């Protein structure tokens, strides 16, 4: 089946309105995360079988079906990323990922915190507790390729990372943690933590060229 945005035109030799405005919508009725689509501009949406269209439109319809298949394949290959927590880091990561064309959904308990994403953010947002399995389910966590736990609380980020990795099997889970002990726990679980002070320390020695003591084996 092919779906199109529509305005009504009469075509010679065919009595009745046809509905084509040369802008293909696609065959899926949900977002890449499986959630209902964002509200679209008001227009007529019809579903037609190309074989039932008048001859002038059949080739266009079949062409659009091929376009749909290609676009669905492209969507399947794109990263689908959940960012939990609209901290400065969370906002920056979500904005950068969205600008790069990835499918991004951002979750935060405070609705006003989501405003920090700015008007150019092209992803989805959800107000809710990212520590809740139900909220993560609503975000489409089972279809996510990456999850970034970027709240301001290390323990919350650890819990979110455990849920995403152990329960939902998200392939790439990256929690933000400052506490070395928690970072070590995550390392032992096979989850790569984002530890700001470790990153800054590594960058310091890289920039200065100074040496530091080798870690004890």
Protein backbone atom coordinates (compact mmCIF):
# COMPACT_ATOMS: atom_id res chain seq x y z
CA UNK A 1 0.00 0.00 0.00
CA UNK A 2 1.16 3.52 -0.75
CA UNK A 3 0.30 6.64 1.20
CA UNK A 4 0.48 10.20 -0.04
CA UNK A 5 -0.31 13.69 1.14
CA UNK A 6 -3.14 14.82 -0.98
CA UNK A 7 -4.87 17.67 -2.71
CA UNK A 8 -7.69 16.96 -5.12
CA UNK A 9 -7.30 17.23 -8.89
CA UNK A 10 -9.33 16.01 -11.84
CA UNK A 11 -7.50 14.04 -14.50
CA UNK A 12 -8.78 13.72 -18.10
CA UNK A 13 -10.72 10.55 -18.70
CA UNK A 14 -11.23 9.74 -15.01
CA UNK A 15 -14.39 10.84 -13.24
CA UNK A 16 -13.77 11.46 -9.58
CA UNK A 17 -11.07 13.11 -7.48
CA UNK A 18 -7.62 11.66 -7.24
CA UNK A 19 -5.36 12.41 -4.34
CA UNK A 20 -1.77 13.16 -5.15
CA UNK A 21 0.31 16.18 -4.20
CA UNK A 22 3.69 14.68 -5.07
CA UNK A 23 4.88 14.37 -1.47
CA UNK A 24 5.23 10.81 -0.20
CA UNK A 25 4.51 10.21 3.48
CA UNK A 26 5.54 6.57 3.81
CA UNK A 27 3.87 3.36 4.79
CA UNK A 28 4.59 3.36 8.53
CA UNK A 29 2.21 4.97 11.00
CA UNK A 30 4.68 5.17 13.87
CA UNK A 31 7.96 6.86 14.67
CA UNK A 32 11.26 4.93 14.49
CA UNK A 33 10.84 4.20 18.20
CA UNK A 34 7.40 2.66 17.69
CA UNK A 35 5.58 5.64 19.25
CA UNK A 36 2.69 7.51 17.57
CA UNK A 37 3.97 10.06 15.05
CA UNK A 38 4.23 13.73 15.91
CA UNK A 39 1.24 15.83 14.79
CA UNK A 40 1.46 16.61 11.09
CA UNK A 41 0.02 19.57 9.17
CA UNK A 42 -3.65 19.07 8.32
CA UNK A 43 -4.09 17.39 4.98
CA UNK A 44 -5.96 14.53 3.41
CA UNK A 45 -4.30 11.13 3.75
CA UNK A 46 -5.50 8.23 1.66
CA UNK A 47 -4.33 4.67 1.13
CA UNK A 48 -4.64 3.23 -2.34
CA UNK A 49 -3.55 0.15 -4.22
CA UNK A 50 -1.49 1.26 -7.23
CA UNK A 51 -3.34 -1.22 -9.44
CA UNK A 52 -6.62 0.58 -8.70
CA UNK A 53 -5.35 4.01 -9.64
CA UNK A 54 -6.09 5.49 -13.07
CA UNK A 55 -3.31 4.86 -15.59
CA UNK A 56 -1.78 8.37 -15.33
CA UNK A 57 -1.04 7.72 -11.63
CA UNK A 58 -0.01 4.07 -11.56
CA UNK A 59 3.63 4.65 -12.47
CA UNK A 60 3.91 7.37 -9.81
CA UNK A 61 2.37 5.10 -7.19
CA UNK A 62 4.67 2.17 -7.98
CA UNK A 63 7.65 4.54 -7.90
CA UNK A 64 6.59 5.80 -4.48
CA UNK A 65 6.26 2.25 -3.15
CA UNK A 66 9.87 1.62 -4.17
CA UNK A 67 10.87 4.85 -2.46
CA UNK A 68 9.05 3.70 0.68
CA UNK A 69 10.94 0.40 0.74
CA UNK A 70 14.28 2.19 0.37
CA UNK A 71 13.41 4.69 3.11
CA UNK A 72 12.33 1.93 5.48
CA UNK A 73 15.66 0.18 4.90
CA UNK A 74 17.49 3.44 5.61
CA UNK A 75 15.51 3.95 8.83
CA UNK A 76 16.35 0.41 9.92
CA UNK A 77 20.06 1.17 9.53
CA UNK A 78 20.00 4.53 11.37
CA UNK A 79 20.95 4.71 15.02
CA UNK A 80 18.02 5.04 17.42
CA UNK A 81 19.24 6.74 20.55
CA UNK A 82 17.54 7.37 23.89
CA UNK A 83 19.02 10.11 26.07
CA UNK A 84 17.77 10.02 29.65
CA UNK A 85 18.32 13.30 31.46
CA UNK A 86 18.36 16.81 30.04
CA UNK A 87 21.56 17.85 31.82
CA UNK A 88 24.03 20.09 30.02
CA UNK A 89 25.75 16.96 28.75
CA UNK A 90 22.47 15.27 27.84
CA UNK A 91 21.24 18.31 25.90
CA UNK A 92 24.54 18.72 24.07
CA UNK A 93 24.68 15.05 23.06
CA UNK A 94 21.03 14.99 21.97
CA UNK A 95 21.41 18.15 19.89
CA UNK A 96 24.56 16.88 18.19
CA UNK A 97 23.05 13.47 17.43
CA UNK A 98 19.86 15.01 16.07
CA UNK A 99 21.81 17.43 13.90
CA UNK A 100 23.74 14.46 12.50
CA UNK A 101 20.47 12.88 11.35
CA UNK A 102 20.07 10.17 13.99
CA UNK A 103 16.72 9.26 15.54
CA UNK A 104 16.83 10.67 19.07
CA UNK A 105 14.35 10.70 21.92
CA UNK A 106 15.09 12.62 25.13
CA UNK A 107 13.47 11.78 28.47
CA UNK A 108 13.39 13.97 31.57
CA UNK A 109 11.15 14.18 34.62
CA UNK A 110 10.95 17.97 34.31
CA UNK A 111 9.09 19.18 31.26
CA UNK A 112 10.76 22.60 31.39
CA UNK A 113 14.18 20.93 31.29
CA UNK A 114 13.34 19.67 27.80
CA UNK A 115 13.08 23.30 26.66
CA UNK A 116 16.87 23.41 26.93
CA UNK A 117 17.06 21.37 23.73
CA UNK A 118 16.18 24.51 21.78
CA UNK A 119 14.04 25.07 18.70
CA UNK A 120 16.45 23.35 16.31
CA UNK A 121 16.20 19.96 18.03
CA UNK A 122 14.55 17.61 15.55
CA UNK A 123 14.05 14.57 17.78
CA UNK A 124 11.31 13.44 20.15
CA UNK A 125 10.83 14.25 23.82
CA UNK A 126 9.03 12.51 26.66
CA UNK A 127 8.33 13.72 30.18
CA UNK A 128 8.83 10.85 32.60
CA UNK A 129 11.13 9.00 34.98
CA UNK A 130 13.86 7.27 32.99
CA UNK A 131 14.45 4.86 35.89
CA UNK A 132 11.04 3.34 35.18
CA UNK A 133 10.95 0.30 32.91
CA UNK A 134 7.49 1.40 31.73
CA UNK A 135 8.81 4.80 30.67
CA UNK A 136 11.71 3.19 28.84
CA UNK A 137 9.24 0.87 27.11
CA UNK A 138 7.25 3.92 26.04
CA UNK A 139 10.45 5.35 24.57
CA UNK A 140 10.86 2.26 22.42
CA UNK A 141 13.85 0.94 24.33
CA UNK A 142 13.56 -2.51 22.74
CA UNK A 143 14.30 -0.93 19.37
CA UNK A 144 17.03 1.42 20.57
CA UNK A 145 20.61 0.96 19.42
CA UNK A 146 22.09 3.27 22.06
CA UNK A 147 21.06 4.64 25.44
CA UNK A 148 22.81 7.53 27.18
CA UNK A 149 22.06 7.89 30.91
CA UNK A 150 22.82 11.56 31.53
CA UNK A 151 20.91 12.55 34.66
CA UNK A 152 22.70 14.50 37.37
CA UNK A 153 22.71 11.53 39.75
CA UNK A 154 25.29 8.74 39.48
CA UNK A 155 23.11 6.13 41.20
CA UNK A 156 20.20 6.88 38.85
CA UNK A 157 22.45 6.57 35.84
CA UNK A 158 23.76 3.24 37.13
CA UNK A 159 20.19 1.92 37.55
CA UNK A 160 19.14 3.15 34.11
CA UNK A 161 22.21 1.54 32.56
CA UNK A 162 21.46 -1.79 34.28
CA UNK A 163 17.85 -1.72 33.08
CA UNK A 164 18.83 -0.90 29.50
CA UNK A 165 21.66 -3.42 29.30
CA UNK A 166 20.48 -6.34 31.44
CA UNK A 167 16.70 -6.20 30.98
CA UNK A 168 16.19 -4.70 27.53
CA UNK A 169 19.42 -5.71 25.85
CA UNK A 170 20.28 -2.32 24.36
CA UNK A 171 23.54 -2.92 22.45
CA UNK A 172 25.31 0.30 23.46
CA UNK A 173 24.69 1.77 26.93
CA UNK A 174 26.68 4.79 28.12
CA UNK A 175 25.99 6.09 31.63
CA UNK A 176 27.46 9.37 32.90
CA UNK A 177 29.16 8.82 36.29
CA UNK A 178 31.60 10.84 38.39
CA UNK A 179 32.13 8.29 41.16
CA UNK A 180 35.15 6.05 40.52
CA UNK A 181 33.64 3.17 42.49
CA UNK A 182 30.48 3.19 40.38
CA UNK A 183 32.54 3.51 37.22
CA UNK A 184 34.47 0.40 38.26
CA UNK A 185 31.20 -1.48 38.88
CA UNK A 186 30.01 -0.57 35.40
CA UNK A 187 33.32 -1.63 33.91
CA UNK A 188 32.95 -5.02 35.59
CA UNK A 189 29.45 -5.32 34.10
CA UNK A 190 30.80 -4.69 30.62
CA UNK A 191 29.15 -1.26 30.41
CA UNK A 192 31.39 1.61 29.33
CA UNK A 193 30.90 4.58 31.68
CA UNK A 194 31.42 8.19 30.65
CA UNK A 195 33.50 9.52 33.53
CA UNK A 196 34.11 13.27 33.05
CA UNK A 197 37.05 13.68 35.40
CA UNK A 198 38.84 10.68 33.86
CA UNK A 199 38.29 12.12 30.39
CA UNK A 200 39.57 15.53 31.54
CA UNK A 201 42.58 13.90 33.16
CA UNK A 202 43.44 12.00 29.98
CA UNK A 203 43.03 15.17 27.94
CA UNK A 204 45.24 17.12 30.32
CA UNK A 205 48.14 14.72 29.91
CA UNK A 206 47.58 14.55 26.17
CA UNK A 207 47.68 18.33 25.82
CA UNK A 208 50.63 18.91 28.13
CA UNK A 209 52.72 15.94 27.06
CA UNK A 210 53.53 15.31 30.73
CA UNK A 211 53.91 11.76 31.98
CA UNK A 212 52.04 10.15 34.83
CA UNK A 213 52.53 7.11 36.98
CA UNK A 214 51.60 3.85 35.29
CA UNK A 215 48.65 2.07 36.88
CA UNK A 216 49.57 -0.80 39.19
CA UNK A 217 48.93 -4.21 37.66
